[in-house]
Structures are given as C-alpha cells and as structure tokens.
Protein backbone atom coordinates (compact mmCIF):
# COMPACT_ATOMS: atom_id res chain seq x y z
CA MET A 1 191.31 142.38 91.63
CA PRO A 2 190.26 139.38 89.53
CA VAL A 3 186.97 137.76 90.39
CA SER A 4 186.83 134.18 91.60
CA SER A 5 186.10 131.18 89.42
CA MET A 6 182.52 131.33 90.63
CA SER A 7 181.92 134.19 88.21
CA SER A 8 183.25 132.25 85.24
CA ARG A 9 181.10 129.37 86.40
CA ASP A 10 178.00 131.51 86.05
CA VAL A 11 179.03 132.80 82.63
CA SER A 12 179.76 129.27 81.37
CA LEU A 13 176.47 128.04 82.77
CA ARG A 14 174.59 130.64 80.75
CA GLN A 15 176.35 129.56 77.57
CA SER A 16 175.99 125.82 78.10
CA LEU A 17 172.39 125.46 79.23
CA ARG A 18 170.75 126.54 75.95
CA GLY A 19 168.64 123.80 74.45
CA ASN A 20 169.59 121.10 76.94
CA ALA A 21 166.17 120.48 78.47
CA ARG A 22 164.93 117.49 76.48
CA ARG A 23 167.03 114.75 78.00
CA LEU A 24 166.59 115.91 81.57
CA SER A 25 162.85 116.15 80.89
CA ALA A 26 162.74 112.46 80.09
CA VAL A 27 164.00 111.54 83.52
CA LEU A 28 161.82 114.17 85.16
CA ALA A 29 158.77 112.99 83.29
CA LEU A 30 159.16 109.48 84.64
CA ALA A 31 158.47 110.91 88.06
CA LEU A 32 155.78 113.39 87.04
CA LEU A 33 153.83 111.01 84.83
CA ALA A 34 154.14 107.96 87.04
CA PRO A 35 150.97 106.89 88.86
CA ALA A 36 150.68 107.83 92.52
CA ILE A 37 151.95 105.29 95.00
CA ALA A 38 148.68 104.45 96.67
CA ALA A 39 150.20 102.21 99.31
CA ALA A 40 152.74 104.80 100.48
CA LYS A 41 152.38 106.02 104.03
CA PRO A 42 152.41 109.78 104.75
CA CYS A 43 155.90 109.52 106.28
CA ASP A 44 157.32 107.47 103.41
CA PRO A 45 159.79 109.40 101.21
CA SER A 46 158.26 107.68 98.17
CA THR A 47 155.27 110.04 98.50
CA TRP A 48 157.41 112.54 96.54
CA PRO A 49 158.40 110.43 93.53
CA LEU A 50 160.05 113.36 91.74
CA TRP A 51 162.71 113.63 94.46
CA GLN A 52 163.18 109.87 94.60
CA THR A 53 163.65 109.70 90.83
CA TYR A 54 166.22 112.47 90.90
CA ALA A 55 168.06 111.11 93.95
CA THR A 56 168.21 107.59 92.54
CA ARG A 57 169.79 108.90 89.35
CA PHE A 58 172.02 111.70 90.58
CA VAL A 59 172.93 111.09 94.24
CA GLN A 60 175.64 108.52 94.95
CA ALA A 61 175.32 106.09 97.85
CA ASP A 62 177.89 108.12 99.78
CA GLY A 63 175.87 111.34 99.43
CA ARG A 64 177.68 113.06 96.54
CA VAL A 65 175.45 114.81 94.00
CA LEU A 66 176.55 114.13 90.43
CA GLU A 67 176.48 116.42 87.39
CA SER A 68 175.96 119.66 89.32
CA SER A 69 178.98 121.16 87.54
CA LEU A 70 179.89 121.82 83.94
CA GLU A 71 183.00 119.76 84.57
CA ASN A 72 182.47 116.06 83.89
CA ASN A 73 181.55 114.16 87.09
CA HIS A 74 182.36 117.13 89.30
CA SER A 75 180.17 118.24 92.21
CA THR A 76 179.35 121.62 93.72
CA SER A 77 178.29 122.92 97.11
CA GLU A 78 175.15 124.29 95.46
CA GLY A 79 174.13 120.84 94.29
CA GLN A 80 174.76 119.42 97.75
CA SER A 81 172.79 122.18 99.46
CA TYR A 82 169.75 121.91 97.21
CA ALA A 83 169.70 118.12 97.57
CA MET A 84 169.78 118.47 101.36
CA PHE A 85 166.74 120.74 101.16
CA PHE A 86 164.86 118.33 98.91
CA ALA A 87 165.72 115.37 101.14
CA LEU A 88 164.21 117.31 104.03
CA ILE A 89 161.07 118.06 102.01
CA GLY A 90 160.82 114.36 101.15
CA ASN A 91 161.40 113.23 104.77
CA ASP A 92 164.41 111.29 103.49
CA GLN A 93 166.51 111.26 106.66
CA PRO A 94 169.15 108.68 105.71
CA ARG A 95 169.96 110.43 102.44
CA PHE A 96 170.00 113.86 104.10
CA ASP A 97 172.57 112.63 106.59
CA LYS A 98 174.77 111.18 103.86
CA LEU A 99 174.54 114.39 101.85
CA TRP A 100 175.62 116.46 104.82
CA ARG A 101 178.40 114.10 105.92
CA TRP A 102 179.87 113.99 102.40
CA THR A 103 179.67 117.79 102.12
CA SER A 104 181.32 118.35 105.48
CA ALA A 105 184.09 115.82 104.89
CA ASN A 106 184.95 116.64 101.28
CA LEU A 107 184.09 120.32 100.82
CA ALA A 108 185.02 121.59 104.27
CA GLY A 109 187.61 119.05 105.38
CA SER A 110 185.42 118.05 108.35
CA ALA A 111 186.17 121.48 109.81
CA THR A 112 182.82 123.23 109.49
CA VAL A 113 183.40 125.01 112.79
CA THR A 114 185.91 127.25 111.03
CA ARG A 115 185.65 126.54 107.28
CA LEU A 116 183.00 127.20 104.66
CA PRO A 117 182.46 124.45 102.07
CA GLY A 118 184.49 124.96 98.90
CA TRP A 119 182.22 125.25 95.89
CA LEU A 120 183.86 122.78 93.45
CA TRP A 121 185.02 119.19 94.01
CA GLY A 122 186.22 116.73 91.38
CA GLN A 123 189.15 115.27 89.49
CA GLY A 124 192.08 117.59 88.93
CA THR A 125 194.62 117.62 86.13
CA ASP A 126 196.80 115.43 88.33
CA GLY A 127 194.11 112.75 88.31
CA GLN A 128 193.30 113.17 91.99
CA TRP A 129 189.71 113.55 93.19
CA ARG A 130 189.54 116.37 95.70
CA LEU A 131 188.44 119.96 96.32
CA GLN A 132 189.29 121.97 93.21
CA ASP A 133 188.23 125.44 94.39
CA ALA A 134 188.14 126.27 98.09
CA ASN A 135 186.28 129.55 97.58
CA SER A 136 182.77 129.09 98.93
CA ALA A 137 179.46 130.00 97.29
CA ALA A 138 177.32 132.04 99.66
CA ASP A 139 174.01 130.72 98.35
CA ALA A 140 175.06 127.14 99.07
CA ASP A 141 176.33 128.13 102.51
CA LEU A 142 172.98 129.71 103.37
CA TRP A 143 170.93 126.81 102.01
CA ILE A 144 173.03 124.32 103.98
CA ALA A 145 172.64 126.31 107.20
CA TYR A 146 168.91 126.59 106.55
CA ALA A 147 168.49 122.88 105.84
CA LEU A 148 170.39 121.98 109.00
CA LEU A 149 168.27 124.31 111.14
CA GLU A 150 165.03 122.90 109.80
CA ALA A 151 166.25 119.30 109.93
CA ALA A 152 167.17 119.84 113.59
CA ARG A 153 163.71 121.25 114.32
CA LEU A 154 161.68 118.70 112.37
CA TRP A 155 163.70 115.58 113.10
CA HIS A 156 164.78 116.54 116.62
CA ARG A 157 168.49 116.41 115.85
CA PRO A 158 170.52 118.65 118.18
CA ASP A 159 173.71 117.72 116.31
CA TYR A 160 172.35 119.35 113.17
CA HIS A 161 171.44 122.42 115.21
CA GLN A 162 175.00 122.79 116.44
CA ASP A 163 176.34 122.31 112.93
CA ALA A 164 174.00 125.04 111.70
CA LEU A 165 175.09 127.48 114.41
CA HIS A 166 178.75 126.90 113.60
CA LEU A 167 178.10 127.46 109.90
CA MET A 168 176.08 130.63 110.56
CA ALA A 169 178.91 132.03 112.67
CA THR A 170 181.45 131.28 109.93
CA ILE A 171 179.26 132.86 107.26
CA GLU A 172 178.93 135.97 109.40
CA ALA A 173 182.68 136.12 110.01
CA GLN A 174 183.80 135.49 106.42
CA LEU A 175 181.01 136.71 104.13
CA VAL A 176 179.11 139.51 105.88
CA VAL A 177 180.44 143.02 105.17
CA LYS A 178 179.11 146.45 106.06
CA LEU A 179 178.58 148.51 102.92
CA PRO A 180 178.68 152.31 103.23
CA GLY A 181 175.22 153.82 103.16
CA LEU A 182 173.55 150.41 103.17
CA GLY A 183 174.69 148.26 106.07
CA PRO A 184 175.39 144.52 106.42
CA MET A 185 175.32 142.44 103.25
CA VAL A 186 176.44 138.94 102.25
CA LEU A 187 179.20 138.69 99.65
CA PRO A 188 178.85 135.89 97.06
CA GLY A 189 182.09 134.34 98.35
CA PRO A 190 185.10 135.10 100.53
CA GLN A 191 187.42 135.94 97.64
CA GLY A 192 187.03 137.93 94.44
CA PHE A 193 184.01 140.14 95.09
CA VAL A 194 185.62 143.22 96.64
CA LEU A 195 187.01 145.28 93.78
CA PRO A 196 189.16 148.44 93.73
CA ASP A 197 187.63 151.88 94.21
CA ALA A 198 185.11 150.77 96.84
CA LEU A 199 183.18 148.51 94.46
CA TRP A 200 181.48 145.28 95.56
CA ARG A 201 179.82 142.58 93.46
CA LEU A 202 176.54 141.11 94.73
CA ASN A 203 174.17 138.41 93.50
CA PRO A 204 170.43 138.89 94.23
CA SER A 205 169.64 135.21 93.63
CA TYR A 206 171.97 134.15 96.44
CA LEU A 207 169.75 135.66 99.15
CA PRO A 208 166.24 134.13 99.33
CA LEU A 209 164.10 136.01 101.84
CA PRO A 210 162.70 132.87 103.56
CA LEU A 211 166.24 131.73 104.39
CA LEU A 212 167.20 135.11 105.82
CA ARG A 213 163.99 135.18 107.88
CA ARG A 214 164.81 131.75 109.31
CA LEU A 215 168.34 132.78 110.24
CA ALA A 216 166.97 135.94 111.84
CA LYS A 217 164.55 133.83 113.87
CA GLU A 218 167.44 131.66 115.06
CA ALA A 219 169.77 134.59 115.82
CA PRO A 220 167.63 137.72 116.36
CA SER A 221 170.65 139.72 117.55
CA GLY A 222 172.60 138.88 114.39
CA PRO A 223 172.75 140.74 111.05
CA TRP A 224 170.13 138.64 109.24
CA GLN A 225 167.12 140.91 109.63
CA ALA A 226 169.12 143.86 108.32
CA ILE A 227 170.45 141.71 105.48
CA ALA A 228 166.89 140.78 104.50
CA ASN A 229 165.93 144.46 104.38
CA ASN A 230 169.08 145.34 102.44
CA THR A 231 168.47 142.51 99.98
CA ALA A 232 165.04 143.95 99.22
CA THR A 233 166.61 147.39 98.82
CA MET A 234 169.22 145.98 96.43
CA ILE A 235 166.64 144.27 94.24
CA ALA A 236 164.28 147.26 94.25
CA GLN A 237 166.94 149.83 93.41
CA SER A 238 168.89 147.78 90.87
CA SER A 239 165.93 146.40 88.89
CA HIS A 240 164.61 148.29 85.88
CA HIS A 241 161.59 147.80 83.61
CA GLY A 242 160.33 145.18 86.05
CA PHE A 243 163.31 142.82 85.61
CA VAL A 244 166.08 141.77 87.98
CA ALA A 245 169.76 141.38 87.04
CA ASP A 246 171.96 138.34 87.51
CA TRP A 247 174.67 140.38 89.22
CA VAL A 248 174.70 143.86 90.77
CA GLY A 249 177.51 146.26 91.64
CA TYR A 250 177.52 148.49 94.71
CA GLN A 251 179.71 151.58 94.58
CA GLY A 252 180.70 153.30 97.82
CA THR A 253 180.55 156.99 96.96
CA SER A 254 181.75 158.06 100.41
CA ALA A 255 182.29 156.61 103.87
CA GLN A 256 178.57 157.06 104.56
CA SER A 257 176.88 156.61 101.19
CA GLY A 258 176.77 154.40 98.11
CA THR A 259 174.69 153.44 95.11
CA PHE A 260 173.82 150.33 93.12
CA VAL A 261 175.42 150.21 89.67
CA ASN A 262 175.76 147.82 86.76
CA ASP A 263 177.84 144.78 87.52
CA PRO A 264 181.37 145.37 86.15
CA ILE A 265 181.57 141.85 84.70
CA ASN A 266 178.09 140.89 83.46
CA GLY A 267 176.59 144.35 82.98
CA ASP A 268 172.80 144.58 82.99
CA THR A 269 172.09 140.96 82.00
CA GLY A 270 169.26 139.07 83.67
CA SER A 271 169.12 135.35 82.91
CA TYR A 272 170.17 132.09 84.58
CA ASP A 273 170.87 133.58 88.01
CA ALA A 274 168.02 136.08 88.00
CA ILE A 275 165.36 133.47 87.21
CA ARG A 276 165.80 132.19 90.76
CA VAL A 277 164.84 135.57 92.24
CA TYR A 278 161.36 135.29 90.71
CA LEU A 279 161.16 131.73 92.04
CA TRP A 280 162.18 132.67 95.60
CA LEU A 281 159.76 135.59 95.72
CA GLY A 282 156.90 133.51 94.34
CA MET A 283 157.46 130.83 96.99
CA SER A 284 157.65 133.34 99.87
CA ASP A 285 154.76 133.47 102.31
CA ALA A 286 151.90 135.69 101.16
CA SER A 287 152.27 137.79 104.32
CA GLU A 288 155.98 138.48 103.70
CA PRO A 289 156.01 142.28 103.23
CA LEU A 290 159.32 142.51 101.41
CA ALA A 291 158.30 139.85 98.90
CA ALA A 292 155.00 141.61 98.29
CA LEU A 293 156.82 144.87 97.62
CA LEU A 294 159.28 143.27 95.21
CA LEU A 295 156.64 141.27 93.36
CA LYS A 296 154.87 144.53 92.55
CA ARG A 297 158.11 146.00 91.24
CA LEU A 298 159.20 142.96 89.23
CA ASP A 299 156.36 142.97 86.74
CA GLY A 300 158.46 142.74 83.59
CA MET A 301 158.83 138.98 83.59
CA ALA A 302 155.08 138.52 83.94
CA ARG A 303 154.38 141.01 81.13
CA SER A 304 156.86 139.31 78.83
CA THR A 305 155.49 135.85 79.57
CA VAL A 306 151.91 137.00 79.02
CA ALA A 307 152.90 138.52 75.68
CA THR A 308 154.84 135.55 74.32
CA GLY A 309 153.64 132.58 76.34
CA SER A 310 157.16 131.81 77.51
CA PRO A 311 159.78 133.58 79.64
CA PRO A 312 162.77 134.95 77.76
CA GLU A 313 166.21 133.47 78.21
CA THR A 314 167.98 136.82 78.55
CA VAL A 315 166.91 140.33 79.51
CA ARG A 316 168.82 143.61 79.21
CA ILE A 317 167.29 145.27 82.21
CA LEU A 318 168.34 148.87 81.44
CA HIS A 319 166.31 148.80 78.22
CA GLY A 320 163.81 146.05 79.04
CA SER A 321 164.71 144.16 75.86
CA VAL A 322 164.32 140.37 75.84
CA GLN A 323 165.72 137.64 73.67
CA GLY A 324 166.22 133.91 73.43
CA GLN A 325 164.13 130.82 74.08
CA SER A 326 164.33 129.81 77.71
CA PRO A 327 165.09 126.24 78.80
CA PHE A 328 162.67 123.94 80.56
CA GLY A 329 163.65 124.99 84.07
CA PHE A 330 162.62 128.61 83.46
CA TRP A 331 159.05 127.53 82.73
CA ALA A 332 158.89 125.67 86.02
CA ALA A 333 160.59 128.44 87.99
CA LEU A 334 157.90 130.96 87.05
CA ILE A 335 154.97 128.87 88.29
CA PRO A 336 155.07 130.24 91.89
CA TYR A 337 155.89 133.75 90.65
CA LEU A 338 152.94 133.81 88.26
CA GLU A 339 150.65 132.47 90.99
CA ALA A 340 151.81 135.22 93.34
CA LYS A 341 151.36 137.85 90.62
CA GLY A 342 147.73 136.85 90.21
CA HIS A 343 148.10 134.89 86.96
CA PRO A 344 146.93 131.38 87.96
CA ARG A 345 145.82 130.51 84.44
CA LEU A 346 149.19 131.51 83.03
CA ALA A 347 150.93 129.51 85.75
CA ASP A 348 148.81 126.51 84.82
CA GLN A 349 149.65 127.02 81.16
CA GLN A 350 153.35 126.94 82.02
CA ARG A 351 152.86 123.66 83.81
CA GLN A 352 150.86 122.24 80.90
CA ARG A 353 153.68 123.22 78.56
CA VAL A 354 156.10 121.42 80.83
CA GLU A 355 153.99 118.27 80.74
CA LEU A 356 153.77 118.38 76.94
CA ALA A 357 157.53 118.80 76.73
CA LEU A 358 157.96 115.81 79.01
CA GLN A 359 155.75 113.65 76.83
CA GLU A 360 157.80 114.63 73.79
CA ALA A 361 161.01 113.86 75.64
CA LEU A 362 159.70 110.43 76.60
CA ALA A 363 159.00 109.73 72.96
CA ARG A 364 162.57 110.79 72.02
CA PRO A 365 164.64 110.28 75.19
CA ASP A 366 167.98 110.34 73.34
CA ALA A 367 167.25 113.34 71.12
CA ASP A 368 169.62 115.50 73.13
CA ALA A 369 172.40 113.73 75.00
CA SER A 370 174.39 116.83 75.91
CA PRO A 371 174.81 118.05 79.50
CA PRO A 372 174.02 119.72 81.81
CA ARG A 373 170.64 118.61 83.10
CA TYR A 374 171.19 119.57 86.71
CA TYR A 375 170.04 123.20 86.71
CA ASN A 376 166.71 122.49 85.05
CA PHE A 377 166.14 119.65 87.49
CA MET A 378 166.80 121.92 90.47
CA LEU A 379 164.43 124.65 89.31
CA SER A 380 161.77 122.04 88.60
CA LEU A 381 162.13 120.34 91.98
CA PHE A 382 161.80 123.66 93.78
CA ALA A 383 158.80 124.84 91.78
CA LEU A 384 156.87 121.61 91.37
CA GLY A 385 157.45 120.55 94.98
CA TRP A 386 155.94 123.88 95.98
CA ALA A 387 153.09 123.67 93.45
CA ASP A 388 152.17 120.19 94.65
CA LYS A 389 152.16 121.52 98.24
CA HIS A 390 154.90 119.25 99.49
CA TYR A 391 156.18 122.35 101.27
CA ARG A 392 155.48 125.98 101.98
CA PHE A 393 157.58 128.69 103.65
CA ARG A 394 155.99 130.42 106.62
CA GLU A 395 156.53 134.14 107.22
CA ASP A 396 159.30 133.41 109.73
CA GLY A 397 161.05 131.16 107.19
CA THR A 398 160.20 127.85 108.82
CA LEU A 399 158.77 125.10 106.67
CA LYS A 400 155.26 123.75 106.59
CA LEU A 401 155.59 120.24 105.16
CA SER A 402 153.00 117.80 103.87
CA TRP A 403 154.38 115.03 106.08
CA GLU A 404 155.04 117.10 109.20
CA THR A 405 151.81 116.51 111.17
CA ALA A 406 151.58 112.81 110.41
CA CYS A 407 155.22 112.15 111.15
CA THR A 408 155.88 114.27 114.23
CA ARG A 409 155.62 111.41 116.69
CA THR A 410 157.47 108.92 114.55
CA THR A 411 160.48 111.19 113.91
CA ALA A 412 160.92 112.35 117.51
CA ARG A 413 163.82 110.82 119.39
C-alpha cells in the first residue's frame, strides 16, 4: 500500500531545510534582541515579543499560518496547531480563537465532531484555494486537542472544552489501533501507514509525553495512558547508539507478538523529525518517569554535540554515524534536552551560538532569501519560550504559565 503524501512531505522537508536558517534568524533576532517592554502588564501578550514578532509576520488576520508548507503560500495543520499553542503561552486569546476557527472551517469543513483536520491547504492546479490533502497529521491533531483543553481550563471556555472532547473522540476512532504484542498506538494519519504483512509505520516525534499525559488526565478510562507507555517502549526499543529515528516500523510477528524494525521508507535515519523527540523529552517535567528513562537512553545526541559543539543534521542510528551541519532550529531544540541531561553550560553555549548567528543575520538579512523558515521558527519558539520560563509542563501535562497567576481573575468569565 502506498504511503500518504505526509511521508513525502517529511522527505522533502529534510532536503529543503539545509542552509536556510539565516533569513529566518533575522526576523527571529528582532524579537530576541529587542529591549524588554517595560510598560507591559503581566497579562499583556506583548510580554512574549518573540511570539508577537512571529505572529505579526506569519499569521494572517483571519488566523491562517503562512509558509508552514514547502508549497508556496500553503498552510498545514501542524503550523496551525503549533501557533495555537504559542498563542496560549502568550495569553493571546483573540488570535488563538481566529487560529482555531480558521482551522476548523478550512481544514475540517466545520465538522470537527466527525472529521480530523486535513494536513495541507492551499491553491490547487485548478487555481482554487482549498484543502489539498484531507489525510490528517496525528501530531497536529494531538496538539490542537491539547491546546483546546488547556485554553478551556485557563481561559474558562467551555466551548473549547467540548471541541477538544469531540476531537479526542475522533482521534481515538480514526487513528488509534491495537498493535499485536504492544497495545494501543496512534498512527501518523488515517491513510497510508498500515502496510501489507502486518507492518505499521510510526513516528516517535508525533507523540510528546506531556500531551499524552494531559489527554489521560482528561479521559482516564481512554487509551492515552497506555499510549504514553507504548510510546516510551517504542522509543526505547527502536533507538540505537543513543539516537532516535525519524520513523519506526512495527512488525506483527503473530497475533500476540511483534517487534520494532527499521522504517520501510526512511530506514534508520534520524534527522528533522527526530530532533523534536529530544525537544519534547527535555521540556517534560523532571518528575516524569518515562522521560527520565528515555533521556538516559538517548545519550548519543548529547555525546555528539559535546564532541563537535553542534548537533548533526543526520544520524544513521544502527551504526551511530553522524553527518551534516544542522540548521538553526536544531541548536535551539537541544537547549531543553541538554539542560535535562545535566549539561547546562553546553545548553548555554548553544543559545550563545544562536545569538551570534542572529547578529550575523541582522547584518546580512538578505543573504539567504530561500524558504522555508517555518520549521526553524517553530523549534525556536518551543525551546526559547521554555528556556525563558514562559511555560513549563507539569507531570500531568497541564501548563504552568508565566502569566497564569496574575491573569486568573481577569480571564475568568
């Protein structure tokens, strides 16, 4: 069975992102190097200038995130989901609502009770702007459900809570499968990931532990706790030499047993997807037992970064060989991971390297005009928002936000 276009998206992303950090860094640096807004109130979204800079440049007035696809002016469910999360971190309620309304209307046809958001929206060969691929992306689906749950809790919005419950039910119905010898697991999308001969394709970066913990808290009788455990099992058993792969295969050897194998499409490559696994684990709560276990196992990226001063772009996990110069976003993504691994000085060095790169980009803002900039932005927003303590994940997956205490009374309805 052919895989969905999501797989080709990931392959193309790997090929296109090389060397494209400079121009995005210029925009990012404007936020990072700008002086603090002394007059901003704790509840004011402008207290996180990095998000405001990004949103002003890349989020349309109607809530559509631009440049989150390799296709010119196309948008993806991943870009929408990440932006919803960042709007929540920044206490940016009006923009969050627009992001969600656009996503629901255009990616799910305003039918989120029964439909998952399609992953790609844009202009087709017929010139019409509309959904171009209705297959969903599980990571985006989970991030959207998570953002809605937390927005409902923090902003006292029962409508968001209902939307989240509907989306969780649809994810469970369309994406959750029971793998022999393992148990419930989330497929990367509804179509294209169940192959002949009892072989399934899985993506470790699609399943951040804090999100699964939050869904388990919301629905304790659901599959989410088991999925969290199985995700940790997948990463532990499929990672070699301390590195994690972009994609993983699971082969059912009998009705009651199975084993993790190389992905049939991407093999043992660890790169643009896998970098997010280190990021998610580094940002997990220190008391999260599964994250602690996996951080001990995934030591290869720390060793490589210590040895060379920079994370590699690509890893062949079966041999532990590394190659390539990583883009800007990789440096940022490893900051929480290196902190969690007990390398605070190395984490600080990564951030210093980022700041130097930003200064260079400001001096030559048009040195690299090629796209895409989106992915490096997203990794940087996640990591630097965490590093600056705009947010933290608790053990149960709920958020601890810098504005939460000061704004509780003002946001209540």
